[in-house]
Amino acid sequence: MKTKYVLLVCTFCVLFLTSACAFFTGTDNKENKMNFEYVHYHNVRIPMRDGITLAADVYLPDAPGPFPVILSRSPYGGTSGLQYTGPCKQGFAVVWVDCRGRFLSGGTCTPTQTEIEDGYDTLEWLSKQTWCDGNVGMVGGSYPALTQLGAASSGHPALKAIAPSALSNSFYAAYYTNGVLELSFMPSWHIGLGARDIKVPKAPNWGELRKEFPVHTLDERAFMPSPSWKTISTTPDREAPFWKKIELKDYAKEIKCPFFIQTSYFDLLGRQGPEIYTELMASPDICEEFKKHSWLRIGPWGHGVNVKEGDFSFGPDALVTEKEELDFLHSILKGKDPELDNAPGRVCYFTMGENKWHYADTWPVPGAIETPFYLGSKGGANTSNGDGYLTRTKLTADQPADKFIYDPMNPVPTCGGRMVGSGGMRDQSEIEQRQDVLVYTSPELTEDLTVTGVIKAKLFVQSSAPDTDFTVKIVDVYEDGKPMNICDTIYRMRYRNGFKNPVFMKKGETCEVNFDVDFTSYMFKKGHRIRIEISSSNFPHFERNLNTEKLPSLETEPQKAEQTILHSAQYPSCIIFPVFK
């Protein structure tokens, strides 16, 4: 039978529609009293430069044109009958396009590799249609957000505005964090997306397949050969040519339109979301239209605007309406300045814990004080019952180091975080009972403490292995003792001096590593405690390092490693919070 990943595709499709519907279902523009019917054209063929054609469904207002156009390019079924036509009633043409190699479109699906060219060619075709007035805007979340970035990077003048959500600033960042491969979702998504016409004996059990070695043969073991998966799983270097197809900072001078960017604290793809806004706003090559009208909103969601993740609710104020996005696209496509230009700031972010929205002119928000919280113990920080502690006072004496054994065959299980469908804030109590998890806890806070920006780590570490990983998790311990995760990351030691020249560790060698944990905005309440968890695995969210010099995705022979975290006057391991008074 043909492979049909119904749950996988539907998950992304629903999340995409969650983001896109903010525009498509809106009808509250007071200036617009039109209420047109529409005419539908199915499977319209759009030619690409290499001779293949993409399939599109076109919806035109039943009225004299030409019209501004709302475009969405998606691998999840632009011609499958799931479309919305709300903008037609307000005088917009709506065009839904199947990405290359998906549904009715021709060609082969290799995610990201042709989105710039295909985006340009689609815009070129649209701009030549008699019903198009030359003004095109794009919408969508997740992969449809990436197609917007590709189209914007193409520099086509017809593209006047985009509203991407649930996105990253590069395709690399969706797959890798500090050189470590994301394993919980991206492999099954990537391999499944390109398997449209492949027959398999049975649907793959991805949970079991992830446990097997080597990682780079996941596609073969799922009976869905994917050459691009082989490339992805063996290319941890962000600067490799494969990853440079969509790297926004490399295309800044080509971008001619403003962005309405929406990202979140628990989205798998959202870790670098604010970097898109920050890098482009600071670029001397970016156009004035981008700087004049662009907007960044950061919410406490998962993979999609208003999509709840985890066990914690941030209340009704965490949800947003479509008003700003509607006005942004409506106004710019019709040659007007959006109301957002008059907002208190161009960055709107939600502070979790306080559960309120705030505005700022830039991101990171200015005024934060970098405040180190130093790790300390008597050498027994293992588990939450150990003697690990956090202090704002730098240590002035030697302390015994903390040690644990990292066994790749018994990894620390994933519990919340930046995930699709199983992330967010979750109770860490079970995780903190493991001997391979070091736990450091502050005293009870005597006043609220607000952290907004990028949290950083400075660790002094040793390992018996030539290469290994270290994980850091930030946790809020409630007054009743329940520990809830805020954010986390993983760091691969061989890349501590960059990807071009991996450096392996020597047994007994002390290495200093400095890296970003993640961005957040969170208020630790009075009476709560701040906790740091340190270990070496977070599986299946991330691939396991098998503690050898071989590339982990190619390795089949796992080795145990003795890990050491040093903390003393000489080795001041700490987590650095951007604190607001």
Protein backbone atom coordinates (compact mmCIF):
# COMPACT_ATOMS: atom_id res chain seq x y z
CA MET A 1 0.00 0.00 0.00
CA LYS A 2 1.09 3.58 -0.44
CA THR A 3 2.54 5.12 2.67
CA LYS A 4 0.15 7.66 4.16
CA TYR A 5 1.37 9.37 7.29
CA VAL A 6 -2.04 10.65 8.23
CA LEU A 7 -1.23 11.60 11.80
CA LEU A 8 2.07 13.22 10.88
CA VAL A 9 0.71 15.28 8.00
CA CYS A 10 -2.51 16.15 9.79
CA THR A 11 -0.58 17.35 12.84
CA PHE A 12 1.41 19.80 10.78
CA CYS A 13 -1.62 20.72 8.69
CA VAL A 14 -3.72 21.54 11.76
CA LEU A 15 -0.90 23.59 13.27
CA PHE A 16 -0.41 25.41 9.99
CA LEU A 17 -4.11 26.17 9.73
CA THR A 18 -4.11 27.37 13.34
CA SER A 19 -1.61 30.02 12.34
CA ALA A 20 -3.09 30.77 8.94
CA CYS A 21 -6.69 31.06 10.09
CA ALA A 22 -5.83 34.22 11.99
CA PHE A 23 -5.86 35.93 8.64
CA PHE A 24 -8.28 33.80 6.66
CA THR A 25 -11.22 33.91 9.06
CA GLY A 26 -11.02 37.57 9.94
CA THR A 27 -13.84 39.85 8.84
CA ASP A 28 -13.57 42.69 11.32
CA ASN A 29 -11.86 45.31 9.16
CA LYS A 30 -14.13 48.32 9.69
CA GLU A 31 -12.87 50.01 6.54
CA ASN A 32 -13.87 47.06 4.39
CA LYS A 33 -17.60 46.54 3.87
CA MET A 34 -17.29 44.24 0.84
CA ASN A 35 -18.84 40.80 0.91
CA PHE A 36 -18.04 39.18 -2.44
CA GLU A 37 -18.71 35.62 -3.44
CA TYR A 38 -15.82 33.81 -5.15
CA VAL A 39 -14.96 31.73 -8.21
CA HIS A 40 -12.81 28.63 -7.69
CA TYR A 41 -10.24 27.25 -10.17
CA HIS A 42 -8.83 23.83 -9.25
CA ASN A 43 -5.41 22.40 -10.15
CA VAL A 44 -4.10 25.44 -11.96
CA ARG A 45 -0.58 24.69 -13.20
CA ILE A 46 2.25 27.10 -12.37
CA PRO A 47 5.46 26.58 -14.40
CA MET A 48 8.86 26.47 -12.69
CA ARG A 49 12.17 27.28 -14.35
CA ASP A 50 13.23 23.62 -14.61
CA GLY A 51 10.09 22.60 -16.52
CA ILE A 52 8.03 21.01 -13.75
CA THR A 53 4.69 22.54 -12.77
CA LEU A 54 3.21 23.16 -9.34
CA ALA A 55 -0.49 22.70 -8.63
CA ALA A 56 -2.58 25.55 -7.26
CA ASP A 57 -6.15 26.25 -6.29
CA VAL A 58 -7.13 29.83 -7.14
CA TYR A 59 -10.04 31.65 -5.53
CA LEU A 60 -11.08 34.97 -7.07
CA PRO A 61 -13.71 37.40 -5.82
CA ASP A 62 -16.74 37.40 -8.08
CA ALA A 63 -16.16 41.05 -8.91
CA PRO A 64 -14.12 43.17 -11.30
CA GLY A 65 -10.37 42.94 -10.65
CA PRO A 66 -7.47 43.14 -10.37
CA PHE A 67 -6.96 42.17 -6.71
CA PRO A 68 -4.19 41.97 -4.13
CA VAL A 69 -3.29 38.32 -3.55
CA ILE A 70 -2.93 36.18 -0.44
CA LEU A 71 -0.59 33.28 -1.20
CA SER A 72 0.26 30.16 0.78
CA ARG A 73 2.71 27.50 -0.37
CA SER A 74 2.44 24.29 1.63
CA PRO A 75 3.48 20.61 1.49
CA TYR A 76 0.30 19.67 3.39
CA GLY A 77 -2.31 19.95 0.67
CA GLY A 78 -2.98 23.27 -1.03
CA THR A 79 -5.29 21.48 -3.46
CA SER A 80 -6.80 18.99 -1.02
CA GLY A 81 -9.98 20.86 -0.13
CA LEU A 82 -8.87 22.21 3.27
CA GLN A 83 -8.64 25.83 2.20
CA TYR A 84 -10.23 28.97 3.55
CA THR A 85 -11.58 31.69 1.28
CA GLY A 86 -12.42 34.45 3.76
CA PRO A 87 -10.20 37.07 2.10
CA CYS A 88 -12.20 36.76 -1.14
CA LYS A 89 -15.16 38.39 0.58
CA GLN A 90 -12.95 41.37 1.28
CA GLY A 91 -11.61 41.77 -2.24
CA PHE A 92 -8.49 39.58 -2.11
CA ALA A 93 -7.58 36.74 -4.44
CA VAL A 94 -6.46 33.62 -2.57
CA VAL A 95 -3.95 31.15 -4.02
CA TRP A 96 -3.00 27.85 -2.39
CA VAL A 97 -0.02 26.02 -3.89
CA ASP A 98 1.24 22.48 -3.32
CA CYS A 99 5.00 22.45 -2.78
CA ARG A 100 7.21 20.58 -5.21
CA GLY A 101 6.69 16.82 -5.10
CA ARG A 102 3.59 17.04 -2.90
CA PHE A 103 -0.04 16.20 -3.73
CA LEU A 104 -0.77 17.38 -7.29
CA SER A 105 2.53 19.18 -7.89
CA GLY A 106 5.28 17.70 -10.03
CA GLY A 107 8.91 17.09 -9.13
CA THR A 108 10.61 15.53 -6.12
CA CYS A 109 10.16 16.76 -2.57
CA THR A 110 13.51 17.66 -0.99
CA PRO A 111 12.60 20.07 1.81
CA THR A 112 14.08 23.60 1.55
CA GLN A 113 16.33 22.95 -1.42
CA THR A 114 14.18 24.73 -4.04
CA GLU A 115 12.03 27.10 -1.96
CA ILE A 116 13.83 30.26 -3.07
CA GLU A 117 13.59 29.43 -6.76
CA ASP A 118 10.06 28.04 -6.54
CA GLY A 119 8.97 31.02 -4.47
CA TYR A 120 10.30 33.45 -7.06
CA ASP A 121 8.76 31.58 -9.99
CA THR A 122 5.37 31.41 -8.26
CA LEU A 123 5.44 35.16 -7.60
CA GLU A 124 6.53 35.83 -11.17
CA TRP A 125 3.58 33.83 -12.51
CA LEU A 126 1.15 35.56 -10.14
CA SER A 127 2.36 39.03 -11.07
CA LYS A 128 1.59 38.36 -14.73
CA GLN A 129 -2.02 37.29 -14.17
CA THR A 130 -4.63 39.85 -15.21
CA TRP A 131 -6.51 39.37 -11.92
CA CYS A 132 -3.42 40.22 -9.80
CA ASP A 133 -2.75 43.89 -9.05
CA GLY A 134 0.94 43.21 -8.37
CA ASN A 135 0.69 43.09 -4.56
CA VAL A 136 1.15 39.70 -2.90
CA GLY A 137 1.21 38.76 0.78
CA MET A 138 1.98 35.33 2.25
CA VAL A 139 0.75 33.54 5.37
CA GLY A 140 1.20 30.27 7.23
CA GLY A 141 3.03 28.49 10.01
CA SER A 142 5.73 25.80 10.22
CA TYR A 143 6.87 24.70 6.76
CA PRO A 144 4.54 27.23 5.05
CA ALA A 145 6.46 29.82 7.09
CA LEU A 146 9.70 28.53 5.60
CA THR A 147 8.28 28.90 2.08
CA GLN A 148 7.63 32.55 2.95
CA LEU A 149 11.25 33.02 3.97
CA GLY A 150 12.32 31.41 0.71
CA ALA A 151 10.08 33.70 -1.31
CA ALA A 152 11.28 36.78 0.62
CA SER A 153 14.89 35.71 0.09
CA SER A 154 14.26 35.52 -3.66
CA GLY A 155 13.81 39.30 -3.77
CA HIS A 156 10.77 39.29 -6.06
CA PRO A 157 9.23 42.79 -6.02
CA ALA A 158 5.62 41.54 -6.04
CA LEU A 159 5.97 40.20 -2.48
CA LYS A 160 4.89 43.08 -0.23
CA ALA A 161 4.44 41.42 3.19
CA ILE A 162 4.73 38.05 4.91
CA ALA A 163 3.26 36.77 8.20
CA PRO A 164 5.26 33.66 9.18
CA SER A 165 4.76 31.83 12.47
CA ALA A 166 6.34 28.76 14.08
CA LEU A 167 9.57 29.19 12.18
CA SER A 168 13.32 29.21 12.55
CA ASN A 169 15.86 31.50 10.96
CA SER A 170 17.45 28.61 9.07
CA PHE A 171 16.58 25.04 8.18
CA TYR A 172 19.69 23.87 10.03
CA ALA A 173 18.29 25.17 13.32
CA ALA A 174 15.25 22.94 12.94
CA TYR A 175 17.49 19.86 12.91
CA TYR A 176 20.46 20.74 15.11
CA THR A 177 21.12 22.39 18.46
CA ASN A 178 24.80 23.04 19.16
CA GLY A 179 25.71 20.25 16.78
CA VAL A 180 23.26 17.71 18.25
CA LEU A 181 20.62 16.19 15.98
CA GLU A 182 16.93 16.61 16.90
CA LEU A 183 15.45 13.13 16.94
CA SER A 184 11.92 13.26 18.36
CA PHE A 185 10.15 14.68 15.33
CA MET A 186 12.27 15.92 12.46
CA PRO A 187 13.49 12.51 11.16
CA SER A 188 10.00 11.01 10.87
CA TRP A 189 8.70 14.26 9.37
CA HIS A 190 11.51 14.59 6.85
CA ILE A 191 11.63 10.96 5.77
CA GLY A 192 7.84 10.68 5.63
CA LEU A 193 7.43 13.90 3.65
CA GLY A 194 9.48 12.57 0.75
CA ALA A 195 7.88 9.12 0.70
CA ARG A 196 4.78 9.95 -1.33
CA ASP A 197 5.04 7.04 -3.77
CA ILE A 198 7.05 4.53 -1.73
CA LYS A 199 5.45 1.21 -0.81
CA VAL A 200 6.39 -0.19 2.60
CA PRO A 201 5.48 -3.53 4.22
CA LYS A 202 4.10 -1.81 7.33
CA ALA A 203 3.91 1.62 8.90
CA PRO A 204 7.16 2.34 10.78
CA ASN A 205 7.27 2.37 14.56
CA TRP A 206 9.35 5.51 14.91
CA GLY A 207 9.63 5.18 18.69
CA GLU A 208 11.41 1.85 18.35
CA LEU A 209 13.43 2.86 15.30
CA ARG A 210 14.93 5.83 17.17
CA LYS A 211 16.38 3.47 19.75
CA GLU A 212 18.40 1.57 17.14
CA PHE A 213 21.82 2.39 15.71
CA PRO A 214 23.04 3.97 13.55
CA VAL A 215 20.82 7.04 13.30
CA HIS A 216 21.72 7.76 9.68
CA THR A 217 19.98 4.53 8.56
CA LEU A 218 16.60 5.50 10.02
CA ASP A 219 15.22 5.88 6.50
CA GLU A 220 16.34 2.41 5.46
CA ARG A 221 14.98 0.77 8.60
CA ALA A 222 11.66 2.51 7.92
CA PHE A 223 11.79 1.15 4.34
CA MET A 224 11.74 4.71 2.96
CA PRO A 225 15.11 5.52 1.38
CA SER A 226 15.90 9.23 1.71
CA PRO A 227 19.24 10.48 0.35
CA SER A 228 18.63 13.89 1.90
CA TRP A 229 18.23 12.27 5.34
CA LYS A 230 21.66 10.72 4.89
CA THR A 231 23.05 14.18 4.19
CA ILE A 232 21.21 15.83 7.08
CA SER A 233 22.13 13.25 9.71
CA THR A 234 25.83 13.38 8.81
CA THR A 235 26.17 17.17 8.34
CA PRO A 236 26.28 18.86 11.76
CA ASP A 237 28.24 21.83 10.37
CA ARG A 238 25.91 24.81 9.98
CA GLU A 239 28.20 26.37 7.39
CA ALA A 240 27.99 23.36 5.05
CA PRO A 241 26.59 24.21 1.58
CA PHE A 242 23.53 21.98 2.11
CA TRP A 243 22.28 24.27 4.89
CA LYS A 244 22.95 27.56 3.14
CA LYS A 245 19.92 27.43 0.84
CA ILE A 246 17.81 29.42 3.31
CA GLU A 247 19.92 31.32 5.84
CA LEU A 248 18.18 34.66 6.18
CA LYS A 249 21.19 36.75 7.13
CA ASP A 250 22.80 35.71 3.83
CA TYR A 251 19.84 37.08 1.86
CA ALA A 252 19.18 40.32 3.75
CA LYS A 253 19.94 42.53 0.77
CA GLU A 254 17.37 40.63 -1.32
CA ILE A 255 14.49 41.08 1.14
CA LYS A 256 12.11 43.83 0.03
CA CYS A 257 9.14 43.37 2.37
CA PRO A 258 8.28 43.59 6.09
CA PHE A 259 7.64 40.56 8.31
CA PHE A 260 4.97 39.89 10.96
CA ILE A 261 6.85 37.23 12.95
CA GLN A 262 5.20 35.07 15.60
CA THR A 263 7.24 32.62 17.64
CA SER A 264 7.02 30.94 21.03
CA TYR A 265 8.89 29.58 24.02
CA PHE A 266 7.98 25.90 23.54
CA ASP A 267 8.03 25.54 19.76
CA LEU A 268 10.46 23.01 18.32
CA LEU A 269 11.30 25.52 15.57
CA GLY A 270 11.20 28.66 17.70
CA ARG A 271 14.59 28.71 19.41
CA GLN A 272 16.06 31.13 16.86
CA GLY A 273 12.82 32.97 16.09
CA PRO A 274 13.85 36.30 17.65
CA GLU A 275 17.18 36.13 15.80
CA ILE A 276 15.32 36.60 12.52
CA TYR A 277 13.98 39.93 13.68
CA THR A 278 17.13 41.02 15.49
CA GLU A 279 19.59 40.11 12.75
CA LEU A 280 17.56 41.65 9.96
CA MET A 281 16.76 44.83 11.88
CA ALA A 282 20.49 45.28 12.52
CA SER A 283 21.58 44.45 8.98
CA PRO A 284 22.81 47.39 6.89
CA ASP A 285 21.55 45.55 3.81
CA ILE A 286 17.91 45.22 4.86
CA CYS A 287 15.34 47.45 3.15
CA GLU A 288 13.66 50.40 4.86
CA GLU A 289 10.23 48.79 4.45
CA PHE A 290 11.35 45.95 6.71
CA LYS A 291 12.62 48.32 9.39
CA LYS A 292 9.56 50.55 9.14
CA HIS A 293 6.80 47.96 9.46
CA SER A 294 8.18 44.65 10.82
CA TRP A 295 6.89 43.20 14.08
CA LEU A 296 7.87 40.39 16.48
CA ARG A 297 5.48 38.61 18.86
CA ILE A 298 6.66 35.91 21.30
CA GLY A 299 4.04 33.82 23.10
CA PRO A 300 3.93 30.93 25.61
CA TRP A 301 2.77 28.40 23.03
CA GLY A 302 3.97 25.26 21.33
CA HIS A 303 4.21 24.63 17.60
CA GLY A 304 1.61 27.10 16.45
CA VAL A 305 0.00 30.33 17.62
CA ASN A 306 -2.26 29.70 20.63
CA VAL A 307 -1.28 26.01 20.67
CA LYS A 308 -0.98 24.91 24.32
CA GLU A 309 1.91 22.65 25.30
CA GLY A 310 2.54 20.92 28.61
CA ASP A 311 0.73 20.76 31.93
CA PHE A 312 0.69 24.45 32.73
CA SER A 313 -1.90 27.03 31.67
CA PHE A 314 -0.89 30.67 31.38
CA GLY A 315 -4.47 31.88 31.42
CA PRO A 316 -6.75 33.50 28.85
CA ASP A 317 -4.41 36.46 28.33
CA ALA A 318 -1.89 34.11 26.71
CA LEU A 319 -4.19 33.77 23.70
CA VAL A 320 -4.02 36.36 20.93
CA THR A 321 -6.52 37.51 18.32
CA GLU A 322 -5.98 37.96 14.60
CA LYS A 323 -6.51 41.72 14.70
CA GLU A 324 -2.87 42.80 14.39
CA GLU A 325 -2.03 40.24 11.70
CA LEU A 326 -5.16 41.15 9.74
CA ASP A 327 -4.38 44.84 9.83
CA PHE A 328 -0.72 44.25 8.96
CA LEU A 329 -1.51 42.32 5.77
CA HIS A 330 -4.62 44.28 4.76
CA SER A 331 -2.92 47.64 5.14
CA ILE A 332 0.38 46.88 3.45
CA LEU A 333 -1.21 45.11 0.47
CA LYS A 334 -3.43 48.14 -0.04
CA GLY A 335 -0.63 50.68 0.34
CA LYS A 336 -1.40 51.85 3.87
CA ASP A 337 0.58 51.93 7.11
CA PRO A 338 -0.57 49.24 9.58
CA GLU A 339 -1.78 50.20 13.04
CA LEU A 340 1.15 48.28 14.51
CA ASP A 341 3.38 51.18 13.53
CA ASN A 342 1.80 53.06 16.47
CA ALA A 343 2.20 50.27 19.04
CA PRO A 344 4.13 50.94 22.29
CA GLY A 345 6.98 48.88 20.86
CA ARG A 346 7.82 46.73 17.83
CA VAL A 347 8.38 43.65 20.00
CA CYS A 348 5.48 42.14 21.96
CA TYR A 349 6.40 39.36 24.41
CA PHE A 350 4.61 37.37 27.10
CA THR A 351 6.19 37.00 30.53
CA MET A 352 5.30 33.58 31.90
CA GLY A 353 4.67 33.36 35.63
CA GLU A 354 3.51 36.96 35.65
CA ASN A 355 1.25 36.00 32.71
CA LYS A 356 1.24 39.43 31.09
CA TRP A 357 2.16 40.88 27.70
CA HIS A 358 4.84 43.54 27.45
CA TYR A 359 6.22 45.76 24.68
CA ALA A 360 9.78 46.73 23.86
CA ASP A 361 11.52 48.56 21.05
CA THR A 362 14.14 45.85 20.54
CA TRP A 363 14.99 42.26 21.38
CA PRO A 364 16.73 41.36 23.60
CA VAL A 365 14.85 43.77 25.83
CA PRO A 366 17.28 46.46 27.07
CA GLY A 367 17.96 46.90 30.76
CA ALA A 368 18.62 43.31 31.83
CA ILE A 369 21.42 42.73 34.34
CA GLU A 370 23.46 39.60 33.65
CA THR A 371 23.31 37.78 36.99
CA PRO A 372 25.35 34.60 37.57
CA PHE A 373 23.95 31.83 39.77
CA TYR A 374 26.93 29.68 40.78
CA LEU A 375 26.78 25.90 41.17
CA GLY A 376 27.87 24.48 44.48
CA SER A 377 27.81 21.21 46.46
CA LYS A 378 29.80 18.94 48.75
CA GLY A 379 30.27 16.56 45.85
CA GLY A 380 26.83 14.93 46.04
CA ALA A 381 24.49 16.90 43.77
CA ASN A 382 23.05 13.73 42.24
CA THR A 383 19.21 13.76 42.38
CA SER A 384 16.99 16.36 44.00
CA ASN A 385 17.81 14.73 47.37
CA GLY A 386 21.48 15.62 46.98
CA ASP A 387 23.45 18.56 48.31
CA GLY A 388 23.63 20.70 45.18
CA TYR A 389 22.82 24.38 45.58
CA LEU A 390 22.76 27.68 43.69
CA THR A 391 24.19 30.89 45.04
CA ARG A 392 24.57 34.40 43.71
CA THR A 393 27.86 34.70 45.59
CA LYS A 394 30.94 33.59 43.72
CA LEU A 395 32.70 30.70 45.45
CA THR A 396 35.93 31.62 47.20
CA ALA A 397 37.15 28.13 48.14
CA ASP A 398 37.65 24.74 46.57
CA GLN A 399 34.78 22.26 46.53
CA PRO A 400 34.63 18.60 45.58
CA ALA A 401 33.39 18.13 42.02
CA ASP A 402 30.14 16.37 41.14
CA LYS A 403 30.30 13.17 39.08
CA PHE A 404 27.88 10.87 37.30
CA ILE A 405 27.97 8.02 34.80
CA TYR A 406 26.36 8.68 31.45
CA ASP A 407 25.19 5.46 29.82
CA PRO A 408 23.82 5.97 26.28
CA MET A 409 21.80 2.78 26.67
CA ASN A 410 19.98 4.29 29.65
CA PRO A 411 19.52 7.94 28.66
CA VAL A 412 17.64 10.58 30.60
CA PRO A 413 14.13 10.57 29.08
CA THR A 414 12.68 13.71 27.54
CA CYS A 415 10.15 15.50 29.74
CA GLY A 416 8.73 18.64 28.15
CA GLY A 417 10.59 21.47 26.47
CA ARG A 418 10.64 22.56 22.82
CA MET A 419 8.67 19.71 21.26
CA VAL A 420 5.81 18.99 18.89
CA GLY A 421 2.81 17.64 20.78
CA SER A 422 4.60 16.56 23.97
CA GLY A 423 6.51 19.63 25.10
CA GLY A 424 5.90 22.64 27.30
CA MET A 425 6.20 22.80 31.09
CA ARG A 426 6.01 19.43 32.81
CA ASP A 427 6.70 17.95 36.25
CA GLN A 428 10.40 16.98 36.51
CA SER A 429 10.10 15.01 39.76
CA GLU A 430 10.89 11.60 38.23
CA ILE A 431 13.76 12.95 36.17
CA GLU A 432 15.34 14.41 39.29
CA GLN A 433 15.48 11.01 41.02
CA ARG A 434 18.07 9.68 38.57
CA GLN A 435 21.70 9.36 39.69
CA ASP A 436 22.86 10.72 36.32
CA VAL A 437 21.05 14.05 36.88
CA LEU A 438 22.82 16.70 38.94
CA VAL A 439 20.45 19.08 40.71
CA TYR A 440 21.33 22.54 42.03
CA THR A 441 18.66 24.57 43.87
CA SER A 442 18.54 28.14 45.17
CA PRO A 443 17.05 29.21 48.50
CA GLU A 444 13.46 30.40 48.45
CA LEU A 445 13.17 33.72 46.68
CA THR A 446 12.34 36.64 48.97
CA GLU A 447 10.91 38.63 46.05
CA ASP A 448 9.75 38.04 42.49
CA LEU A 449 12.60 37.62 40.00
CA THR A 450 11.97 38.30 36.30
CA VAL A 451 14.25 36.83 33.65
CA THR A 452 13.85 38.10 30.07
CA GLY A 453 16.29 37.37 27.31
CA VAL A 454 18.91 34.70 26.61
CA ILE A 455 20.03 32.50 29.51
CA LYS A 456 23.69 31.48 29.26
CA ALA A 457 25.81 28.70 30.75
CA LYS A 458 29.47 28.66 31.78
CA LEU A 459 30.59 25.18 32.80
CA PHE A 460 33.91 23.61 33.68
CA VAL A 461 33.71 19.92 32.78
CA GLN A 462 35.70 16.73 32.45
CA SER A 463 34.88 13.41 30.82
CA SER A 464 36.46 10.00 30.44
CA ALA A 465 35.22 10.02 26.83
CA PRO A 466 36.83 11.79 23.85
CA ASP A 467 33.47 13.30 22.96
CA THR A 468 30.22 13.61 24.88
CA ASP A 469 27.27 15.94 25.47
CA PHE A 470 26.13 18.04 28.41
CA THR A 471 22.55 19.16 29.00
CA VAL A 472 21.28 22.11 31.04
CA LYS A 473 17.67 22.54 32.14
CA ILE A 474 16.18 25.56 33.95
CA VAL A 475 13.46 24.64 36.46
CA ASP A 476 11.00 26.55 38.65
CA VAL A 477 10.36 24.80 41.98
CA TYR A 478 6.93 25.74 43.28
CA GLU A 479 6.08 26.31 46.93
CA ASP A 480 4.66 22.78 47.12
CA GLY A 481 7.95 21.36 45.82
CA LYS A 482 6.80 20.58 42.28
CA PRO A 483 9.63 21.23 39.77
CA MET A 484 8.49 22.57 36.37
CA ASN A 485 10.88 23.04 33.44
CA ILE A 486 11.25 26.47 31.83
CA CYS A 487 13.83 25.88 29.08
CA ASP A 488 16.80 23.67 28.27
CA THR A 489 19.54 22.87 25.78
CA ILE A 490 22.27 20.37 24.89
CA TYR A 491 25.91 20.97 23.97
CA ARG A 492 28.32 18.71 22.04
CA MET A 493 31.87 18.93 23.33
CA ARG A 494 33.76 18.17 20.11
CA TYR A 495 32.42 21.43 18.62
CA ARG A 496 33.46 23.72 21.48
CA ASN A 497 35.99 25.39 19.17
CA GLY A 498 33.71 25.42 16.13
CA PHE A 499 32.50 22.95 13.54
CA LYS A 500 35.43 23.19 11.14
CA ASN A 501 37.99 21.77 13.56
CA PRO A 502 36.43 19.36 16.04
CA VAL A 503 38.52 18.97 19.19
CA PHE A 504 38.31 15.80 21.24
CA MET A 505 38.67 15.71 25.00
CA LYS A 506 41.51 14.12 26.94
CA LYS A 507 40.77 12.10 30.02
CA GLY A 508 41.18 14.32 33.09
CA GLU A 509 41.34 17.52 31.01
CA THR A 510 39.24 20.39 32.34
CA CYS A 511 37.34 22.20 29.59
CA GLU A 512 35.52 25.50 29.92
CA VAL A 513 32.42 25.77 27.74
CA ASN A 514 30.19 28.79 27.25
CA PHE A 515 26.88 28.48 25.42
CA ASP A 516 23.34 29.81 25.26
CA VAL A 517 20.66 27.77 27.02
CA ASP A 518 17.62 29.43 25.42
CA PHE A 519 15.63 32.64 25.41
CA THR A 520 12.61 33.13 27.65
CA SER A 521 10.66 35.65 29.66
CA TYR A 522 9.71 34.19 33.01
CA MET A 523 8.88 35.49 36.48
CA PHE A 524 10.04 33.25 39.33
CA LYS A 525 7.60 34.10 42.08
CA LYS A 526 8.40 34.95 45.69
CA GLY A 527 8.60 31.72 47.69
CA HIS A 528 9.68 29.67 44.66
CA ARG A 529 13.19 28.33 44.10
CA ILE A 530 15.33 28.30 40.96
CA ARG A 531 16.79 24.93 40.03
CA ILE A 532 19.35 23.79 37.46
CA GLU A 533 19.53 20.21 36.18
CA ILE A 534 22.70 19.02 34.45
CA SER A 535 23.16 15.70 32.69
CA SER A 536 24.33 14.31 29.34
CA SER A 537 21.21 13.16 27.51
CA ASN A 538 17.65 14.16 26.70
CA PHE A 539 16.21 11.30 24.65
CA PRO A 540 14.43 11.04 22.26
CA HIS A 541 14.34 14.81 21.85
CA PHE A 542 18.04 14.68 20.93
CA GLU A 543 20.21 11.90 19.55
CA ARG A 544 22.50 10.21 22.06
CA ASN A 545 26.21 10.82 21.96
CA LEU A 546 27.81 7.37 22.08
CA ASN A 547 30.98 8.82 23.65
CA THR A 548 33.45 7.98 20.88
CA GLU A 549 35.34 9.95 18.25
CA LYS A 550 33.06 8.61 15.52
CA LEU A 551 30.19 10.83 14.37
CA PRO A 552 27.29 9.84 16.67
CA SER A 553 24.86 9.36 13.76
CA LEU A 554 27.25 6.77 12.27
CA GLU A 555 28.31 5.07 15.50
CA THR A 556 26.93 1.67 16.55
CA GLU A 557 29.01 0.86 19.65
CA PRO A 558 27.99 2.96 22.68
CA GLN A 559 30.44 3.52 25.53
CA LYS A 560 29.77 4.70 29.07
CA ALA A 561 31.40 7.93 30.23
CA GLU A 562 32.26 9.30 33.66
CA GLN A 563 31.25 12.97 33.67
CA THR A 564 32.54 15.64 36.05
CA ILE A 565 31.20 19.13 36.78
CA LEU A 566 33.69 21.32 38.62
CA HIS A 567 32.66 24.29 40.77
CA SER A 568 35.09 26.26 42.91
CA ALA A 569 36.92 29.56 43.08
CA GLN A 570 39.13 28.34 40.24
CA TYR A 571 36.27 26.80 38.24
CA PRO A 572 33.20 29.03 38.73
CA SER A 573 30.56 27.04 36.88
CA CYS A 574 27.40 29.11 36.67
CA ILE A 575 24.17 29.86 34.85
CA ILE A 576 23.79 33.51 33.84
CA PHE A 577 20.29 34.99 33.90
CA PRO A 578 19.23 38.30 32.30
CA VAL A 579 17.46 39.73 35.37
CA PHE A 580 15.18 42.77 35.52
CA LYS A 581 14.81 44.70 38.75
